[in-house]
Amino acid sequence: MRPLACDRCAARVLVRKSSWQQTSVQWDRRAMALCAERDRADGSGAAFEGCGSLRETIREAAVRGTVELVGDHADGPAPGGRPL
């Protein structure tokens, strides 16, 4: 797991990218408190299904190589031939 801060709100989480399709994210209390999308979901009573801003930050980090793909299929192309 690698630390990564969201480009939008600076919430710092731990990330592991096993493939272009699979990502694990570990949140701590501080990151949960900083995430604007999580805060909005909590206020509306809706289930939090993930942060789009963080998802985009992780995708960009994987494309740049800041977050490595570490699974068995890490060297394969992203779906559609383009990085996610």
PDB file of N, CA and C in Angstrom:
ATOM      1  N   MET A   1       0.858  -1.177   0.000  1.00  0.00           N
ATOM      2  CA  MET A   1       0.000   0.000   0.000  1.00  0.00           C
ATOM      3  C   MET A   1       0.901   1.235   0.000  1.00  0.00           C
ATOM      4  N   ARG A   2       0.519   2.183  -0.804  1.00  0.00           N
ATOM      5  CA  ARG A   2       1.258   3.439  -0.923  1.00  0.00           C
ATOM      6  C   ARG A   2       0.381   4.611  -0.491  1.00  0.00           C
ATOM      7  N   PRO A   3       0.955   5.580   0.222  1.00  0.00           N
ATOM      8  CA  PRO A   3       0.171   6.773   0.562  1.00  0.00           C
ATOM      9  C   PRO A   3      -0.066   7.627  -0.684  1.00  0.00           C
ATOM     10  N   LEU A   4      -1.256   8.198  -0.763  1.00  0.00           N
ATOM     11  CA  LEU A   4      -1.605   9.073  -1.882  1.00  0.00           C
ATOM     12  C   LEU A   4      -2.619  10.084  -1.382  1.00  0.00           C
ATOM     13  N   ALA A   5      -2.424  11.356  -1.734  1.00  0.00           N
ATOM     14  CA  ALA A   5      -3.349  12.414  -1.339  1.00  0.00           C
ATOM     15  C   ALA A   5      -4.241  12.787  -2.515  1.00  0.00           C
ATOM     16  N   CYS A   6      -5.515  12.930  -2.251  1.00  0.00           N
ATOM     17  CA  CYS A   6      -6.487  13.324  -3.262  1.00  0.00           C
ATOM     18  C   CYS A   6      -6.147  14.716  -3.793  1.00  0.00           C
ATOM     19  N   ASP A   7      -6.201  14.877  -5.103  1.00  0.00           N
ATOM     20  CA  ASP A   7      -5.908  16.178  -5.715  1.00  0.00           C
ATOM     21  C   ASP A   7      -6.944  17.235  -5.354  1.00  0.00           C
ATOM     22  N   ARG A   8      -8.150  16.822  -4.994  1.00  0.00           N
ATOM     23  CA  ARG A   8      -9.214  17.785  -4.688  1.00  0.00           C
ATOM     24  C   ARG A   8      -9.175  18.273  -3.243  1.00  0.00           C
ATOM     25  N   CYS A   9      -9.118  17.322  -2.290  1.00  0.00           N
ATOM     26  CA  CYS A   9      -9.283  17.727  -0.888  1.00  0.00           C
ATOM     27  C   CYS A   9      -8.079  17.397  -0.005  1.00  0.00           C
ATOM     28  N   ALA A  10      -7.066  16.755  -0.574  1.00  0.00           N
ATOM     29  CA  ALA A  10      -5.829  16.397   0.131  1.00  0.00           C
ATOM     30  C   ALA A  10      -6.018  15.299   1.167  1.00  0.00           C
ATOM     31  N   ALA A  11      -7.169  14.601   1.141  1.00  0.00           N
ATOM     32  CA  ALA A  11      -7.335  13.436   2.023  1.00  0.00           C
ATOM     33  C   ALA A  11      -6.265  12.422   1.648  1.00  0.00           C
ATOM     34  N   ARG A  12      -5.514  11.972   2.632  1.00  0.00           N
ATOM     35  CA  ARG A  12      -4.396  11.045   2.388  1.00  0.00           C
ATOM     36  C   ARG A  12      -4.831   9.630   2.758  1.00  0.00           C
ATOM     37  N   VAL A  13      -4.808   8.741   1.772  1.00  0.00           N
ATOM     38  CA  VAL A  13      -5.214   7.351   1.958  1.00  0.00           C
ATOM     39  C   VAL A  13      -4.059   6.441   1.574  1.00  0.00           C
ATOM     40  N   LEU A  14      -4.223   5.153   1.840  1.00  0.00           N
ATOM     41  CA  LEU A  14      -3.272   4.156   1.360  1.00  0.00           C
ATOM     42  C   LEU A  14      -3.913   3.448   0.176  1.00  0.00           C
ATOM     43  N   VAL A  15      -3.130   3.250  -0.892  1.00  0.00           N
ATOM     44  CA  VAL A  15      -3.650   2.708  -2.142  1.00  0.00           C
ATOM     45  C   VAL A  15      -2.796   1.538  -2.601  1.00  0.00           C
ATOM     46  N   ARG A  16      -3.467   0.509  -3.114  1.00  0.00           N
ATOM     47  CA  ARG A  16      -2.789  -0.605  -3.784  1.00  0.00           C
ATOM     48  C   ARG A  16      -3.543  -0.868  -5.071  1.00  0.00           C
ATOM     49  N   LYS A  17      -2.832  -0.855  -6.187  1.00  0.00           N
ATOM     50  CA  LYS A  17      -3.431  -1.079  -7.498  1.00  0.00           C
ATOM     51  C   LYS A  17      -2.948  -2.427  -7.992  1.00  0.00           C
ATOM     52  N   SER A  18      -3.840  -3.432  -7.969  1.00  0.00           N
ATOM     53  CA  SER A  18      -3.471  -4.784  -8.384  1.00  0.00           C
ATOM     54  C   SER A  18      -3.574  -4.968  -9.890  1.00  0.00           C
ATOM     55  N   SER A  19      -4.438  -4.193 -10.527  1.00  0.00           N
ATOM     56  CA  SER A  19      -4.614  -4.225 -11.980  1.00  0.00           C
ATOM     57  C   SER A  19      -5.320  -2.928 -12.355  1.00  0.00           C
ATOM     58  N   TRP A  20      -5.534  -2.729 -13.655  1.00  0.00           N
ATOM     59  CA  TRP A  20      -6.271  -1.533 -14.065  1.00  0.00           C
ATOM     60  C   TRP A  20      -7.705  -1.579 -13.545  1.00  0.00           C
ATOM     61  N   GLN A  21      -8.225  -2.793 -13.310  1.00  0.00           N
ATOM     62  CA  GLN A  21      -9.607  -2.926 -12.862  1.00  0.00           C
ATOM     63  C   GLN A  21      -9.751  -2.996 -11.344  1.00  0.00           C
ATOM     64  N   GLN A  22      -8.689  -3.283 -10.618  1.00  0.00           N
ATOM     65  CA  GLN A  22      -8.803  -3.507  -9.180  1.00  0.00           C
ATOM     66  C   GLN A  22      -7.922  -2.561  -8.390  1.00  0.00           C
ATOM     67  N   THR A  23      -8.544  -1.864  -7.456  1.00  0.00           N
ATOM     68  CA  THR A  23      -7.840  -0.921  -6.588  1.00  0.00           C
ATOM     69  C   THR A  23      -8.320  -1.115  -5.159  1.00  0.00           C
ATOM     70  N   SER A  24      -7.398  -1.143  -4.212  1.00  0.00           N
ATOM     71  CA  SER A  24      -7.738  -1.194  -2.799  1.00  0.00           C
ATOM     72  C   SER A  24      -7.380   0.153  -2.181  1.00  0.00           C
ATOM     73  N   VAL A  25      -8.283   0.673  -1.366  1.00  0.00           N
ATOM     74  CA  VAL A  25      -8.068   1.961  -0.703  1.00  0.00           C
ATOM     75  C   VAL A  25      -8.331   1.784   0.779  1.00  0.00           C
ATOM     76  N   GLN A  26      -7.392   2.241   1.588  1.00  0.00           N
ATOM     77  CA  GLN A  26      -7.556   2.193   3.039  1.00  0.00           C
ATOM     78  C   GLN A  26      -7.666   3.624   3.555  1.00  0.00           C
ATOM     79  N   TRP A  27      -8.803   3.914   4.178  1.00  0.00           N
ATOM     80  CA  TRP A  27      -9.069   5.235   4.736  1.00  0.00           C
ATOM     81  C   TRP A  27      -8.756   5.224   6.222  1.00  0.00           C
ATOM     82  N   ASP A  28      -8.272   6.374   6.728  1.00  0.00           N
ATOM     83  CA  ASP A  28      -8.187   6.545   8.173  1.00  0.00           C
ATOM     84  C   ASP A  28      -9.177   7.650   8.566  1.00  0.00           C
ATOM     85  N   ARG A  29      -9.299   7.914   9.842  1.00  0.00           N
ATOM     86  CA  ARG A  29     -10.286   8.907  10.302  1.00  0.00           C
ATOM     87  C   ARG A  29     -10.032  10.294   9.720  1.00  0.00           C
ATOM     88  N   ARG A  30      -8.784  10.676   9.658  1.00  0.00           N
ATOM     89  CA  ARG A  30      -8.460  12.016   9.140  1.00  0.00           C
ATOM     90  C   ARG A  30      -8.875  12.145   7.679  1.00  0.00           C
ATOM     91  N   ALA A  31      -8.556  11.132   6.866  1.00  0.00           N
ATOM     92  CA  ALA A  31      -8.930  11.161   5.450  1.00  0.00           C
ATOM     93  C   ALA A  31     -10.448  11.210   5.293  1.00  0.00           C
ATOM     94  N   MET A  32     -11.154  10.426   6.097  1.00  0.00           N
ATOM     95  CA  MET A  32     -12.617  10.437   6.024  1.00  0.00           C
ATOM     96  C   MET A  32     -13.175  11.816   6.355  1.00  0.00           C
ATOM     97  N   ALA A  33     -12.565  12.489   7.317  1.00  0.00           N
ATOM     98  CA  ALA A  33     -13.030  13.816   7.711  1.00  0.00           C
ATOM     99  C   ALA A  33     -12.746  14.864   6.630  1.00  0.00           C
ATOM    100  N   LEU A  34     -11.667  14.694   5.873  1.00  0.00           N
ATOM    101  CA  LEU A  34     -11.287  15.663   4.843  1.00  0.00           C
ATOM    102  C   LEU A  34     -12.043  15.502   3.530  1.00  0.00           C
ATOM    103  N   CYS A  35     -12.526  14.313   3.230  1.00  0.00           N
ATOM    104  CA  CYS A  35     -13.122  14.027   1.926  1.00  0.00           C
ATOM    105  C   CYS A  35     -14.456  14.759   1.755  1.00  0.00           C
ATOM    106  N   ALA A  36     -14.497  15.680   0.799  1.00  0.00           N
ATOM    107  CA  ALA A  36     -15.706  16.465   0.553  1.00  0.00           C
ATOM    108  C   ALA A  36     -16.847  15.593   0.041  1.00  0.00           C
ATOM    109  N   GLU A  37     -16.555  14.622  -0.805  1.00  0.00           N
ATOM    110  CA  GLU A  37     -17.606  13.756  -1.343  1.00  0.00           C
ATOM    111  C   GLU A  37     -18.165  12.839  -0.259  1.00  0.00           C
ATOM    112  N   ARG A  38     -17.320  12.340   0.626  1.00  0.00           N
ATOM    113  CA  ARG A  38     -17.780  11.495   1.725  1.00  0.00           C
ATOM    114  C   ARG A  38     -18.651  12.334   2.661  1.00  0.00           C
ATOM    115  N   ASP A  39     -18.232  13.556   2.924  1.00  0.00           N
ATOM    116  CA  ASP A  39     -18.988  14.440   3.803  1.00  0.00           C
ATOM    117  C   ASP A  39     -20.374  14.717   3.221  1.00  0.00           C
ATOM    118  N   ARG A  40     -20.444  14.961   1.922  1.00  0.00           N
ATOM    119  CA  ARG A  40     -21.725  15.222   1.264  1.00  0.00           C
ATOM    120  C   ARG A  40     -22.642  13.994   1.361  1.00  0.00           C
ATOM    121  N   ALA A  41     -22.092  12.793   1.160  1.00  0.00           N
ATOM    122  CA  ALA A  41     -22.884  11.567   1.258  1.00  0.00           C
ATOM    123  C   ALA A  41     -23.383  11.361   2.683  1.00  0.00           C
ATOM    124  N   ASP A  42     -22.535  11.628   3.669  1.00  0.00           N
ATOM    125  CA  ASP A  42     -22.936  11.468   5.071  1.00  0.00           C
ATOM    126  C   ASP A  42     -24.087  12.407   5.410  1.00  0.00           C
ATOM    127  N   GLY A  43     -24.031  13.618   4.889  1.00  0.00           N
ATOM    128  CA  GLY A  43     -25.072  14.605   5.172  1.00  0.00           C
ATOM    129  C   GLY A  43     -26.398  14.289   4.508  1.00  0.00           C
ATOM    130  N   SER A  44     -26.371  13.580   3.392  1.00  0.00           N
ATOM    131  CA  SER A  44     -27.603  13.277   2.675  1.00  0.00           C
ATOM    132  C   SER A  44     -28.241  11.977   3.128  1.00  0.00           C
ATOM    133  N   GLY A  45     -27.496  11.184   3.893  1.00  0.00           N
ATOM    134  CA  GLY A  45     -27.997   9.889   4.323  1.00  0.00           C
ATOM    135  C   GLY A  45     -27.780   8.796   3.281  1.00  0.00           C
ATOM    136  N   ALA A  46     -27.237   9.151   2.124  1.00  0.00           N
ATOM    137  CA  ALA A  46     -26.975   8.170   1.064  1.00  0.00           C
ATOM    138  C   ALA A  46     -25.750   7.337   1.408  1.00  0.00           C
ATOM    139  N   ALA A  47     -25.702   6.128   0.897  1.00  0.00           N
ATOM    140  CA  ALA A  47     -24.533   5.265   1.090  1.00  0.00           C
ATOM    141  C   ALA A  47     -23.353   5.850   0.316  1.00  0.00           C
ATOM    142  N   PHE A  48     -22.192   5.818   0.918  1.00  0.00           N
ATOM    143  CA  PHE A  48     -20.974   6.312   0.262  1.00  0.00           C
ATOM    144  C   PHE A  48     -20.387   5.180  -0.565  1.00  0.00           C
ATOM    145  N   GLU A  49     -20.385   5.353  -1.877  1.00  0.00           N
ATOM    146  CA  GLU A  49     -19.908   4.311  -2.783  1.00  0.00           C
ATOM    147  C   GLU A  49     -18.528   4.610  -3.346  1.00  0.00           C
ATOM    148  N   GLY A  50     -17.879   5.614  -2.833  1.00  0.00           N
ATOM    149  CA  GLY A  50     -16.538   5.950  -3.285  1.00  0.00           C
ATOM    150  C   GLY A  50     -16.450   7.394  -3.741  1.00  0.00           C
ATOM    151  N   CYS A  51     -15.259   7.891  -3.734  1.00  0.00           N
ATOM    152  CA  CYS A  51     -15.005   9.288  -4.082  1.00  0.00           C
ATOM    153  C   CYS A  51     -14.509   9.373  -5.523  1.00  0.00           C
ATOM    154  N   GLY A  52     -15.255  10.047  -6.367  1.00  0.00           N
ATOM    155  CA  GLY A  52     -14.867  10.213  -7.763  1.00  0.00           C
ATOM    156  C   GLY A  52     -13.572  10.985  -7.917  1.00  0.00           C
ATOM    157  N   SER A  53     -13.360  11.983  -7.080  1.00  0.00           N
ATOM    158  CA  SER A  53     -12.126  12.771  -7.154  1.00  0.00           C
ATOM    159  C   SER A  53     -10.919  11.917  -6.788  1.00  0.00           C
ATOM    160  N   LEU A  54     -11.052  11.104  -5.752  1.00  0.00           N
ATOM    161  CA  LEU A  54      -9.957  10.219  -5.370  1.00  0.00           C
ATOM    162  C   LEU A  54      -9.718   9.170  -6.448  1.00  0.00           C
ATOM    163  N   ARG A  55     -10.799   8.644  -7.016  1.00  0.00           N
ATOM    164  CA  ARG A  55     -10.677   7.661  -8.094  1.00  0.00           C
ATOM    165  C   ARG A  55      -9.863   8.242  -9.259  1.00  0.00           C
ATOM    166  N   GLU A  56     -10.142   9.481  -9.613  1.00  0.00           N
ATOM    167  CA  GLU A  56      -9.405  10.145 -10.705  1.00  0.00           C
ATOM    168  C   GLU A  56      -7.946  10.384 -10.307  1.00  0.00           C
ATOM    169  N   THR A  57      -7.700  10.767  -9.065  1.00  0.00           N
ATOM    170  CA  THR A  57      -6.329  10.953  -8.582  1.00  0.00           C
ATOM    171  C   THR A  57      -5.549   9.650  -8.680  1.00  0.00           C
ATOM    172  N   ILE A  58      -6.176   8.544  -8.282  1.00  0.00           N
ATOM    173  CA  ILE A  58      -5.514   7.234  -8.347  1.00  0.00           C
ATOM    174  C   ILE A  58      -5.236   6.854  -9.792  1.00  0.00           C
ATOM    175  N   ARG A  59      -6.199   7.068 -10.675  1.00  0.00           N
ATOM    176  CA  ARG A  59      -6.020   6.755 -12.096  1.00  0.00           C
ATOM    177  C   ARG A  59      -4.839   7.528 -12.670  1.00  0.00           C
ATOM    178  N   GLU A  60      -4.782   8.806 -12.397  1.00  0.00           N
ATOM    179  CA  GLU A  60      -3.682   9.637 -12.899  1.00  0.00           C
ATOM    180  C   GLU A  60      -2.349   9.184 -12.321  1.00  0.00           C
ATOM    181  N   ALA A  61      -2.329   8.825 -11.047  1.00  0.00           N
ATOM    182  CA  ALA A  61      -1.095   8.345 -10.419  1.00  0.00           C
ATOM    183  C   ALA A  61      -0.639   7.035 -11.058  1.00  0.00           C
ATOM    184  N   ALA A  62      -1.578   6.164 -11.404  1.00  0.00           N
ATOM    185  CA  ALA A  62      -1.227   4.901 -12.058  1.00  0.00           C
ATOM    186  C   ALA A  62      -0.684   5.151 -13.463  1.00  0.00           C
ATOM    187  N   VAL A  63      -1.290   6.076 -14.186  1.00  0.00           N
ATOM    188  CA  VAL A  63      -0.812   6.419 -15.532  1.00  0.00           C
ATOM    189  C   VAL A  63       0.611   6.982 -15.465  1.00  0.00           C
ATOM    190  N   ARG A  64       0.877   7.834 -14.485  1.00  0.00           N
ATOM    191  CA  ARG A  64       2.211   8.440 -14.326  1.00  0.00           C
ATOM    192  C   ARG A  64       3.225   7.466 -13.740  1.00  0.00           C
ATOM    193  N   GLY A  65       2.743   6.401 -13.101  1.00  0.00           N
ATOM    194  CA  GLY A  65       3.643   5.445 -12.469  1.00  0.00           C
ATOM    195  C   GLY A  65       3.934   5.747 -11.017  1.00  0.00           C
ATOM    196  N   THR A  66       3.262   6.747 -10.462  1.00  0.00           N
ATOM    197  CA  THR A  66       3.426   7.083  -9.047  1.00  0.00           C
ATOM    198  C   THR A  66       2.869   5.970  -8.173  1.00  0.00           C
ATOM    199  N   VAL A  67       1.780   5.364  -8.613  1.00  0.00           N
ATOM    200  CA  VAL A  67       1.207   4.182  -7.978  1.00  0.00           C
ATOM    201  C   VAL A  67       1.411   3.036  -8.965  1.00  0.00           C
ATOM    202  N   GLU A  68       2.185   2.035  -8.535  1.00  0.00           N
ATOM    203  CA  GLU A  68       2.504   0.927  -9.419  1.00  0.00           C
ATOM    204  C   GLU A  68       1.378  -0.094  -9.436  1.00  0.00           C
ATOM    205  N   LEU A  69       1.226  -0.761 -10.575  1.00  0.00           N
ATOM    206  CA  LEU A  69       0.336  -1.903 -10.671  1.00  0.00           C
ATOM    207  C   LEU A  69       1.138  -3.109 -10.216  1.00  0.00           C
ATOM    208  N   VAL A  70       0.656  -3.827  -9.198  1.00  0.00           N
ATOM    209  CA  VAL A  70       1.462  -4.864  -8.571  1.00  0.00           C
ATOM    210  C   VAL A  70       0.910  -6.275  -8.722  1.00  0.00           C
ATOM    211  N   GLY A  71      -0.228  -6.446  -9.362  1.00  0.00           N
ATOM    212  CA  GLY A  71      -0.826  -7.772  -9.479  1.00  0.00           C
ATOM    213  C   GLY A  71      -0.235  -8.591 -10.610  1.00  0.00           C
ATOM    214  N   ASP A  72      -0.755  -9.799 -10.778  1.00  0.00           N
ATOM    215  CA  ASP A  72      -0.297 -10.717 -11.813  1.00  0.00           C
ATOM    216  C   ASP A  72      -0.481 -10.160 -13.218  1.00  0.00           C
ATOM    217  N   HIS A  73      -1.506  -9.327 -13.418  1.00  0.00           N
ATOM    218  CA  HIS A  73      -1.806  -8.793 -14.744  1.00  0.00           C
ATOM    219  C   HIS A  73      -1.429  -7.325 -14.865  1.00  0.00           C
ATOM    220  N   ALA A  74      -0.513  -6.873 -14.039  1.00  0.00           N
ATOM    221  CA  ALA A  74      -0.151  -5.458 -13.992  1.00  0.00           C
ATOM    222  C   ALA A  74       0.441  -4.959 -15.295  1.00  0.00           C
ATOM    223  N   ASP A  75       1.112  -5.834 -16.053  1.00  0.00           N
ATOM    224  CA  ASP A  75       1.754  -5.385 -17.281  1.00  0.00           C
ATOM    225  C   ASP A  75       0.801  -5.316 -18.463  1.00  0.00           C
ATOM    226  N   GLY A  76      -0.374  -5.867 -18.328  1.00  0.00           N
ATOM    227  CA  GLY A  76      -1.327  -5.881 -19.432  1.00  0.00           C
ATOM    228  C   GLY A  76      -1.917  -4.508 -19.678  1.00  0.00           C
ATOM    229  N   PRO A  77      -2.506  -4.334 -20.855  1.00  0.00           N
ATOM    230  CA  PRO A  77      -3.096  -3.036 -21.182  1.00  0.00           C
ATOM    231  C   PRO A  77      -4.378  -2.787 -20.403  1.00  0.00           C
ATOM    232  N   ALA A  78      -4.693  -1.549 -20.253  1.00  0.00           N
ATOM    233  CA  ALA A  78      -5.950  -1.172 -19.630  1.00  0.00           C
ATOM    234  C   ALA A  78      -7.087  -1.530 -20.585  1.00  0.00           C
ATOM    235  N   PRO A  79      -8.289  -1.695 -20.068  1.00  0.00           N
ATOM    236  CA  PRO A  79      -9.417  -1.980 -20.952  1.00  0.00           C
ATOM    237  C   PRO A  79      -9.561  -0.916 -22.029  1.00  0.00           C
ATOM    238  N   GLY A  80      -9.860  -1.340 -23.240  1.00  0.00           N
ATOM    239  CA  GLY A  80     -10.000  -0.401 -24.337  1.00  0.00           C
ATOM    240  C   GLY A  80      -8.669   0.148 -24.822  1.00  0.00           C
ATOM    241  N   GLY A  81      -7.558  -0.409 -24.315  1.00  0.00           N
ATOM    242  CA  GLY A  81      -6.243   0.039 -24.762  1.00  0.00           C
ATOM    243  C   GLY A  81      -5.798   1.351 -24.174  1.00  0.00           C
ATOM    244  N   ARG A  82      -6.567   1.899 -23.232  1.00  0.00           N
ATOM    245  CA  ARG A  82      -6.168   3.172 -22.627  1.00  0.00           C
ATOM    246  C   ARG A  82      -6.162   3.063 -21.112  1.00  0.00           C
ATOM    247  N   PRO A  83      -5.278   3.766 -20.449  1.00  0.00           N
ATOM    248  CA  PRO A  83      -5.185   3.698 -18.985  1.00  0.00           C
ATOM    249  C   PRO A  83      -6.444   4.236 -18.337  1.00  0.00           C
ATOM    250  N   LEU A  84      -6.822   3.615 -17.224  1.00  0.00           N
ATOM    251  CA  LEU A  84      -7.975   4.095 -16.446  1.00  0.00           C
ATOM    252  C   LEU A  84      -7.548   5.070 -15.391  1.00  0.00           C
TER     253      LEU A  84
END
